Amino acid sequence: MCYHKSLTAKYEQLAEYYSTSYSKVVEELYSIRYHENGFDFLAGPVVTAGKPGDIQMFHCGLVPFWVKDAAAATRIKVSTLNCISEEMYDKPAFRDAAGDGKRCLIPCSGFFEWRWMDEKGKKKIPYFIQLKDQPIFSIAGLYSRWVDRSTDGRYYSYTCWHYANRSTIRRWKHALFQRESLQKMKRRTYPKCWTFRTTKS
């Protein structure tokens, strides 16, 4: 599961990599993070299928549109940092975003995973995983917009998409996009289900 990740690229590098428009507002909100803990629920850059020409700042931990209030939103995002691909069309937290084609790319320089040294994971070692000679890549994800009825405030959030993996280093395997795949998303040549092309990291 991707609870800890890193993004060391400058905003200008992200805008060039994703061929997006430049936003002074986003630049002011953006910051380099060598280690981001997902449970801090910080706002970070994403590129969505709805607006592939823009970098937007969404919070980690998806909050579905149907959540009733802020207290419920706080509770649910703890369990929606990651989305298991085999369950995303069935789990209430993800099925609306998955069914509506609300896919996104989450820029990343690397992420941290634990290597289990025994079958139950009582003894484990952290590994930092990145792509060779590629300072920026994308983790596939889902996104959502939630409206706080008490304030009419909009809260934009995302979850990282992954599937089961039997590796001794990683219990889960993320769907990763490299640069040559990005134009397909911009042209929307992926089917609605977005069967992601994955790469070994």
C-alpha atoms as a PDB file:
ATOM      1  CA  MET A   1       0.000   0.000   0.000  1.00  0.00           C
ATOM      2  CA  CYS A   2       1.257   3.506  -0.778  1.00  0.00           C
ATOM      3  CA  TYR A   3       1.135   5.377   2.521  1.00  0.00           C
ATOM      4  CA  HIS A   4       4.515   7.064   2.118  1.00  0.00           C
ATOM      5  CA  LYS A   5       5.769   8.656  -1.102  1.00  0.00           C
ATOM      6  CA  SER A   6       8.152  11.270  -2.421  1.00  0.00           C
ATOM      7  CA  LEU A   7       7.938  14.014  -5.036  1.00  0.00           C
ATOM      8  CA  THR A   8      11.121  15.992  -5.594  1.00  0.00           C
ATOM      9  CA  ALA A   9      10.385  17.671  -8.943  1.00  0.00           C
ATOM     10  CA  LYS A  10       9.836  21.413  -9.205  1.00  0.00           C
ATOM     11  CA  TYR A  11       6.444  22.689 -10.336  1.00  0.00           C
ATOM     12  CA  GLU A  12       7.886  23.821 -13.671  1.00  0.00           C
ATOM     13  CA  GLN A  13       9.165  20.290 -14.293  1.00  0.00           C
ATOM     14  CA  LEU A  14       5.721  18.825 -13.603  1.00  0.00           C
ATOM     15  CA  ALA A  15       4.030  21.302 -15.951  1.00  0.00           C
ATOM     16  CA  GLU A  16       6.499  20.408 -18.716  1.00  0.00           C
ATOM     17  CA  TYR A  17       6.287  16.650 -18.067  1.00  0.00           C
ATOM     18  CA  TYR A  18       2.480  16.563 -18.212  1.00  0.00           C
ATOM     19  CA  SER A  19       2.207  19.297 -20.881  1.00  0.00           C
ATOM     20  CA  THR A  20      -0.184  21.275 -18.692  1.00  0.00           C
ATOM     21  CA  SER A  21      -0.945  24.967 -18.423  1.00  0.00           C
ATOM     22  CA  TYR A  22       0.964  27.076 -15.903  1.00  0.00           C
ATOM     23  CA  SER A  23      -0.902  28.209 -12.787  1.00  0.00           C
ATOM     24  CA  LYS A  24       0.532  30.759 -10.351  1.00  0.00           C
ATOM     25  CA  VAL A  25      -1.995  29.637  -7.733  1.00  0.00           C
ATOM     26  CA  VAL A  26      -0.930  25.994  -7.990  1.00  0.00           C
ATOM     27  CA  GLU A  27       2.741  26.986  -7.932  1.00  0.00           C
ATOM     28  CA  GLU A  28       2.217  28.829  -4.650  1.00  0.00           C
ATOM     29  CA  LEU A  29       0.404  25.835  -3.123  1.00  0.00           C
ATOM     30  CA  TYR A  30       2.878  23.256  -4.385  1.00  0.00           C
ATOM     31  CA  SER A  31       5.895  22.172  -2.345  1.00  0.00           C
ATOM     32  CA  ILE A  32       8.606  19.546  -2.803  1.00  0.00           C
ATOM     33  CA  ARG A  33       8.200  16.663  -0.345  1.00  0.00           C
ATOM     34  CA  TYR A  34      10.993  14.181   0.147  1.00  0.00           C
ATOM     35  CA  HIS A  35       8.755  12.124   2.425  1.00  0.00           C
ATOM     36  CA  GLU A  36       4.989  12.552   2.498  1.00  0.00           C
ATOM     37  CA  ASN A  37       2.931  10.573   4.994  1.00  0.00           C
ATOM     38  CA  GLY A  38      -0.481   9.820   3.497  1.00  0.00           C
ATOM     39  CA  PHE A  39      -2.106  10.024   6.914  1.00  0.00           C
ATOM     40  CA  ASP A  40      -1.349  13.759   6.972  1.00  0.00           C
ATOM     41  CA  PHE A  41      -3.933  14.060   4.137  1.00  0.00           C
ATOM     42  CA  LEU A  42      -2.010  16.866   2.466  1.00  0.00           C
ATOM     43  CA  ALA A  43      -2.998  18.459  -0.829  1.00  0.00           C
ATOM     44  CA  GLY A  44      -0.757  17.389  -3.693  1.00  0.00           C
ATOM     45  CA  PRO A  45      -0.675  17.635  -7.504  1.00  0.00           C
ATOM     46  CA  VAL A  46      -2.837  15.413  -9.707  1.00  0.00           C
ATOM     47  CA  VAL A  47      -3.792  15.365 -13.385  1.00  0.00           C
ATOM     48  CA  THR A  48      -7.379  14.229 -13.906  1.00  0.00           C
ATOM     49  CA  ALA A  49      -9.148  12.693 -16.876  1.00  0.00           C
ATOM     50  CA  GLY A  50     -11.690  15.523 -16.568  1.00  0.00           C
ATOM     51  CA  LYS A  51      -9.044  18.275 -16.897  1.00  0.00           C
ATOM     52  CA  PRO A  52      -5.939  16.676 -18.437  1.00  0.00           C
ATOM     53  CA  GLY A  53      -4.519  20.084 -19.358  1.00  0.00           C
ATOM     54  CA  ASP A  54      -4.252  21.284 -15.753  1.00  0.00           C
ATOM     55  CA  ILE A  55      -2.375  20.322 -12.619  1.00  0.00           C
ATOM     56  CA  GLN A  56      -4.743  20.481  -9.657  1.00  0.00           C
ATOM     57  CA  MET A  57      -4.153  20.175  -5.917  1.00  0.00           C
ATOM     58  CA  PHE A  58      -6.187  17.341  -4.354  1.00  0.00           C
ATOM     59  CA  HIS A  59      -6.001  15.799  -0.896  1.00  0.00           C
ATOM     60  CA  CYS A  60      -4.818  12.257  -0.300  1.00  0.00           C
ATOM     61  CA  GLY A  61      -7.582   9.991   1.039  1.00  0.00           C
ATOM     62  CA  LEU A  62     -10.684   9.866  -1.161  1.00  0.00           C
ATOM     63  CA  VAL A  63     -13.938  11.267   0.253  1.00  0.00           C
ATOM     64  CA  PRO A  64     -16.967  10.077  -1.800  1.00  0.00           C
ATOM     65  CA  PHE A  65     -19.603  12.639  -2.787  1.00  0.00           C
ATOM     66  CA  TRP A  66     -22.293  10.945  -0.655  1.00  0.00           C
ATOM     67  CA  VAL A  67     -20.551  11.448   2.713  1.00  0.00           C
ATOM     68  CA  LYS A  68     -22.948  13.357   4.980  1.00  0.00           C
ATOM     69  CA  ASP A  69     -20.723  15.605   7.100  1.00  0.00           C
ATOM     70  CA  ALA A  70     -17.166  16.599   8.017  1.00  0.00           C
ATOM     71  CA  ALA A  71     -16.942  14.076  10.839  1.00  0.00           C
ATOM     72  CA  ALA A  72     -17.826  11.234   8.477  1.00  0.00           C
ATOM     73  CA  ALA A  73     -15.353  12.591   5.900  1.00  0.00           C
ATOM     74  CA  THR A  74     -12.587  12.548   8.506  1.00  0.00           C
ATOM     75  CA  ARG A  75     -13.379   8.945   9.378  1.00  0.00           C
ATOM     76  CA  ILE A  76     -13.615   7.549   5.862  1.00  0.00           C
ATOM     77  CA  LYS A  77     -10.463   9.065   4.378  1.00  0.00           C
ATOM     78  CA  VAL A  78      -8.337   7.053   6.808  1.00  0.00           C
ATOM     79  CA  SER A  79      -9.350   3.910   4.900  1.00  0.00           C
ATOM     80  CA  THR A  80      -9.337   5.347   1.351  1.00  0.00           C
ATOM     81  CA  LEU A  81      -5.682   6.270   0.831  1.00  0.00           C
ATOM     82  CA  ASN A  82      -5.438   3.230  -1.451  1.00  0.00           C
ATOM     83  CA  CYS A  83      -7.912   1.438  -3.683  1.00  0.00           C
ATOM     84  CA  ILE A  84      -7.658  -2.260  -4.534  1.00  0.00           C
ATOM     85  CA  SER A  85      -8.416  -2.704  -8.237  1.00  0.00           C
ATOM     86  CA  GLU A  86     -10.277  -5.949  -7.750  1.00  0.00           C
ATOM     87  CA  GLU A  87     -12.714  -4.196  -5.397  1.00  0.00           C
ATOM     88  CA  MET A  88     -13.107  -0.685  -6.801  1.00  0.00           C
ATOM     89  CA  TYR A  89     -16.376  -1.387  -8.632  1.00  0.00           C
ATOM     90  CA  ASP A  90     -17.903  -2.997  -5.545  1.00  0.00           C
ATOM     91  CA  LYS A  91     -16.678  -0.963  -2.573  1.00  0.00           C
ATOM     92  CA  PRO A  92     -19.100   1.908  -1.803  1.00  0.00           C
ATOM     93  CA  ALA A  93     -16.232   4.351  -1.244  1.00  0.00           C
ATOM     94  CA  PHE A  94     -14.842   3.832  -4.765  1.00  0.00           C
ATOM     95  CA  ARG A  95     -17.541   2.450  -7.058  1.00  0.00           C
ATOM     96  CA  ASP A  96     -19.038   5.828  -8.039  1.00  0.00           C
ATOM     97  CA  ALA A  97     -15.680   7.336  -8.988  1.00  0.00           C
ATOM     98  CA  ALA A  98     -14.696   4.134 -10.806  1.00  0.00           C
ATOM     99  CA  GLY A  99     -18.013   3.872 -12.643  1.00  0.00           C
ATOM    100  CA  ASP A 100     -17.989   7.554 -13.625  1.00  0.00           C
ATOM    101  CA  GLY A 101     -14.497   7.350 -15.104  1.00  0.00           C
ATOM    102  CA  LYS A 102     -12.956   9.731 -12.543  1.00  0.00           C
ATOM    103  CA  ARG A 103      -9.369   8.613 -13.117  1.00  0.00           C
ATOM    104  CA  CYS A 104      -6.289  10.611 -12.317  1.00  0.00           C
ATOM    105  CA  LEU A 105      -2.502  10.488 -12.432  1.00  0.00           C
ATOM    106  CA  ILE A 106      -0.572  11.195  -9.249  1.00  0.00           C
ATOM    107  CA  PRO A 107       2.956  12.541  -9.876  1.00  0.00           C
ATOM    108  CA  CYS A 108       5.640  10.730  -7.922  1.00  0.00           C
ATOM    109  CA  SER A 109       9.414  10.415  -7.678  1.00  0.00           C
ATOM    110  CA  GLY A 110       9.326   7.275  -5.539  1.00  0.00           C
ATOM    111  CA  PHE A 111       7.483   5.583  -2.728  1.00  0.00           C
ATOM    112  CA  PHE A 112       8.254   3.543   0.356  1.00  0.00           C
ATOM    113  CA  GLU A 113       7.234  -0.089   0.878  1.00  0.00           C
ATOM    114  CA  TRP A 114       8.041  -2.659   3.528  1.00  0.00           C
ATOM    115  CA  ARG A 115       9.763  -5.959   2.819  1.00  0.00           C
ATOM    116  CA  TRP A 116       8.278  -8.651   5.015  1.00  0.00           C
ATOM    117  CA  MET A 117      10.991 -10.836   6.572  1.00  0.00           C
ATOM    118  CA  ASP A 118       8.447 -13.348   7.880  1.00  0.00           C
ATOM    119  CA  GLU A 119       5.003 -14.562   6.804  1.00  0.00           C
ATOM    120  CA  LYS A 120       3.060 -12.311   9.184  1.00  0.00           C
ATOM    121  CA  GLY A 121       5.078  -9.141   8.653  1.00  0.00           C
ATOM    122  CA  LYS A 122       6.198  -8.831  12.262  1.00  0.00           C
ATOM    123  CA  LYS A 123       9.734  -8.238  11.045  1.00  0.00           C
ATOM    124  CA  LYS A 124      10.075  -5.925   8.054  1.00  0.00           C
ATOM    125  CA  ILE A 125      12.497  -3.530   6.348  1.00  0.00           C
ATOM    126  CA  PRO A 126      11.536  -0.303   4.496  1.00  0.00           C
ATOM    127  CA  TYR A 127      12.513   0.041   0.817  1.00  0.00           C
ATOM    128  CA  PHE A 128      12.422   3.173  -1.317  1.00  0.00           C
ATOM    129  CA  ILE A 129      11.154   2.265  -4.805  1.00  0.00           C
ATOM    130  CA  GLN A 130      11.703   4.409  -7.899  1.00  0.00           C
ATOM    131  CA  LEU A 131      12.058   4.007 -11.655  1.00  0.00           C
ATOM    132  CA  LYS A 132      15.580   3.910 -13.065  1.00  0.00           C
ATOM    133  CA  ASP A 133      16.640   7.158 -14.764  1.00  0.00           C
ATOM    134  CA  GLN A 134      13.154   8.623 -14.460  1.00  0.00           C
ATOM    135  CA  PRO A 135      12.727  11.328 -11.772  1.00  0.00           C
ATOM    136  CA  ILE A 136       8.973  11.640 -12.436  1.00  0.00           C
ATOM    137  CA  PHE A 137       6.386   8.935 -13.026  1.00  0.00           C
ATOM    138  CA  SER A 138       2.670   8.597 -12.281  1.00  0.00           C
ATOM    139  CA  ILE A 139       0.655   6.406  -9.969  1.00  0.00           C
ATOM    140  CA  ALA A 140      -2.832   5.739 -11.308  1.00  0.00           C
ATOM    141  CA  GLY A 141      -5.740   6.748  -9.107  1.00  0.00           C
ATOM    142  CA  LEU A 142      -9.363   7.773  -8.670  1.00  0.00           C
ATOM    143  CA  TYR A 143     -10.598  11.200  -7.593  1.00  0.00           C
ATOM    144  CA  SER A 144     -13.739  12.714  -6.117  1.00  0.00           C
ATOM    145  CA  ARG A 145     -15.356  16.015  -5.183  1.00  0.00           C
ATOM    146  CA  TRP A 146     -17.188  16.267  -1.870  1.00  0.00           C
ATOM    147  CA  VAL A 147     -19.341  19.219  -0.788  1.00  0.00           C
ATOM    148  CA  ASP A 148     -19.584  20.087   2.917  1.00  0.00           C
ATOM    149  CA  ARG A 149     -23.264  20.944   3.291  1.00  0.00           C
ATOM    150  CA  SER A 150     -22.635  23.003   6.427  1.00  0.00           C
ATOM    151  CA  THR A 151     -20.236  25.414   4.706  1.00  0.00           C
ATOM    152  CA  ASP A 152     -20.795  24.729   0.980  1.00  0.00           C
ATOM    153  CA  GLY A 153     -17.036  24.175   0.771  1.00  0.00           C
ATOM    154  CA  ARG A 154     -15.580  21.881  -1.909  1.00  0.00           C
ATOM    155  CA  TYR A 155     -13.091  19.183  -0.958  1.00  0.00           C
ATOM    156  CA  TYR A 156     -11.178  17.440  -3.765  1.00  0.00           C
ATOM    157  CA  SER A 157      -9.449  14.158  -2.979  1.00  0.00           C
ATOM    158  CA  TYR A 158      -7.844  11.094  -4.552  1.00  0.00           C
ATOM    159  CA  THR A 159      -6.853   7.507  -3.863  1.00  0.00           C
ATOM    160  CA  CYS A 160      -3.927   5.459  -5.231  1.00  0.00           C
ATOM    161  CA  TRP A 161      -4.879   2.468  -7.387  1.00  0.00           C
ATOM    162  CA  HIS A 162      -3.158  -0.885  -6.944  1.00  0.00           C
ATOM    163  CA  TYR A 163      -3.650  -4.612  -7.240  1.00  0.00           C
ATOM    164  CA  ALA A 164      -2.573  -7.691  -5.314  1.00  0.00           C
ATOM    165  CA  ASN A 165       1.074  -8.732  -5.629  1.00  0.00           C
ATOM    166  CA  ARG A 166       2.830 -11.744  -4.145  1.00  0.00           C
ATOM    167  CA  SER A 167       6.292 -10.168  -4.034  1.00  0.00           C
ATOM    168  CA  THR A 168       8.210 -10.587  -0.776  1.00  0.00           C
ATOM    169  CA  ILE A 169       9.098  -6.903  -0.958  1.00  0.00           C
ATOM    170  CA  ARG A 170       5.665  -5.551  -1.833  1.00  0.00           C
ATOM    171  CA  ARG A 171       2.328  -7.010  -0.809  1.00  0.00           C
ATOM    172  CA  TRP A 172       0.577  -4.720  -3.313  1.00  0.00           C
ATOM    173  CA  LYS A 173       1.598  -3.518  -6.753  1.00  0.00           C
ATOM    174  CA  HIS A 174       0.708  -0.053  -8.010  1.00  0.00           C
ATOM    175  CA  ALA A 175      -0.364   0.803 -11.536  1.00  0.00           C
ATOM    176  CA  LEU A 176       2.395   3.058 -12.846  1.00  0.00           C
ATOM    177  CA  PHE A 177       2.377   5.299 -15.901  1.00  0.00           C
ATOM    178  CA  GLN A 178       5.549   6.294 -17.693  1.00  0.00           C
ATOM    179  CA  ARG A 179       5.753   9.342 -19.905  1.00  0.00           C
ATOM    180  CA  GLU A 180       4.952   7.683 -23.216  1.00  0.00           C
ATOM    181  CA  SER A 181       1.522   6.675 -21.868  1.00  0.00           C
ATOM    182  CA  LEU A 182       0.411  10.193 -20.944  1.00  0.00           C
ATOM    183  CA  GLN A 183      -0.698  11.335 -24.396  1.00  0.00           C
ATOM    184  CA  LYS A 184      -3.126   8.440 -24.606  1.00  0.00           C
ATOM    185  CA  MET A 185      -4.868   9.787 -21.530  1.00  0.00           C
ATOM    186  CA  LYS A 186      -4.971  13.295 -22.949  1.00  0.00           C
ATOM    187  CA  ARG A 187      -6.504  11.967 -26.165  1.00  0.00           C
ATOM    188  CA  ARG A 188      -8.853   9.827 -24.041  1.00  0.00           C
ATOM    189  CA  THR A 189      -7.988   6.744 -26.048  1.00  0.00           C
ATOM    190  CA  TYR A 190      -8.188   4.603 -22.930  1.00  0.00           C
ATOM    191  CA  PRO A 191     -11.540   2.860 -22.430  1.00  0.00           C
ATOM    192  CA  LYS A 192     -13.775   4.084 -19.633  1.00  0.00           C
ATOM    193  CA  CYS A 193     -12.496   1.369 -17.306  1.00  0.00           C
ATOM    194  CA  TRP A 194      -8.894   2.599 -17.841  1.00  0.00           C
ATOM    195  CA  THR A 195      -7.094  -0.706 -17.900  1.00  0.00           C
ATOM    196  CA  PHE A 196      -3.768   0.706 -16.795  1.00  0.00           C
ATOM    197  CA  ARG A 197      -0.478  -0.349 -18.311  1.00  0.00           C
ATOM    198  CA  THR A 198       1.836  -1.296 -15.462  1.00  0.00           C
ATOM    199  CA  THR A 199       5.611  -1.305 -15.194  1.00  0.00           C
ATOM    200  CA  LYS A 200       8.021  -3.024 -12.858  1.00  0.00           C
ATOM    201  CA  SER A 201       9.700  -0.761 -10.322  1.00  0.00           C
END
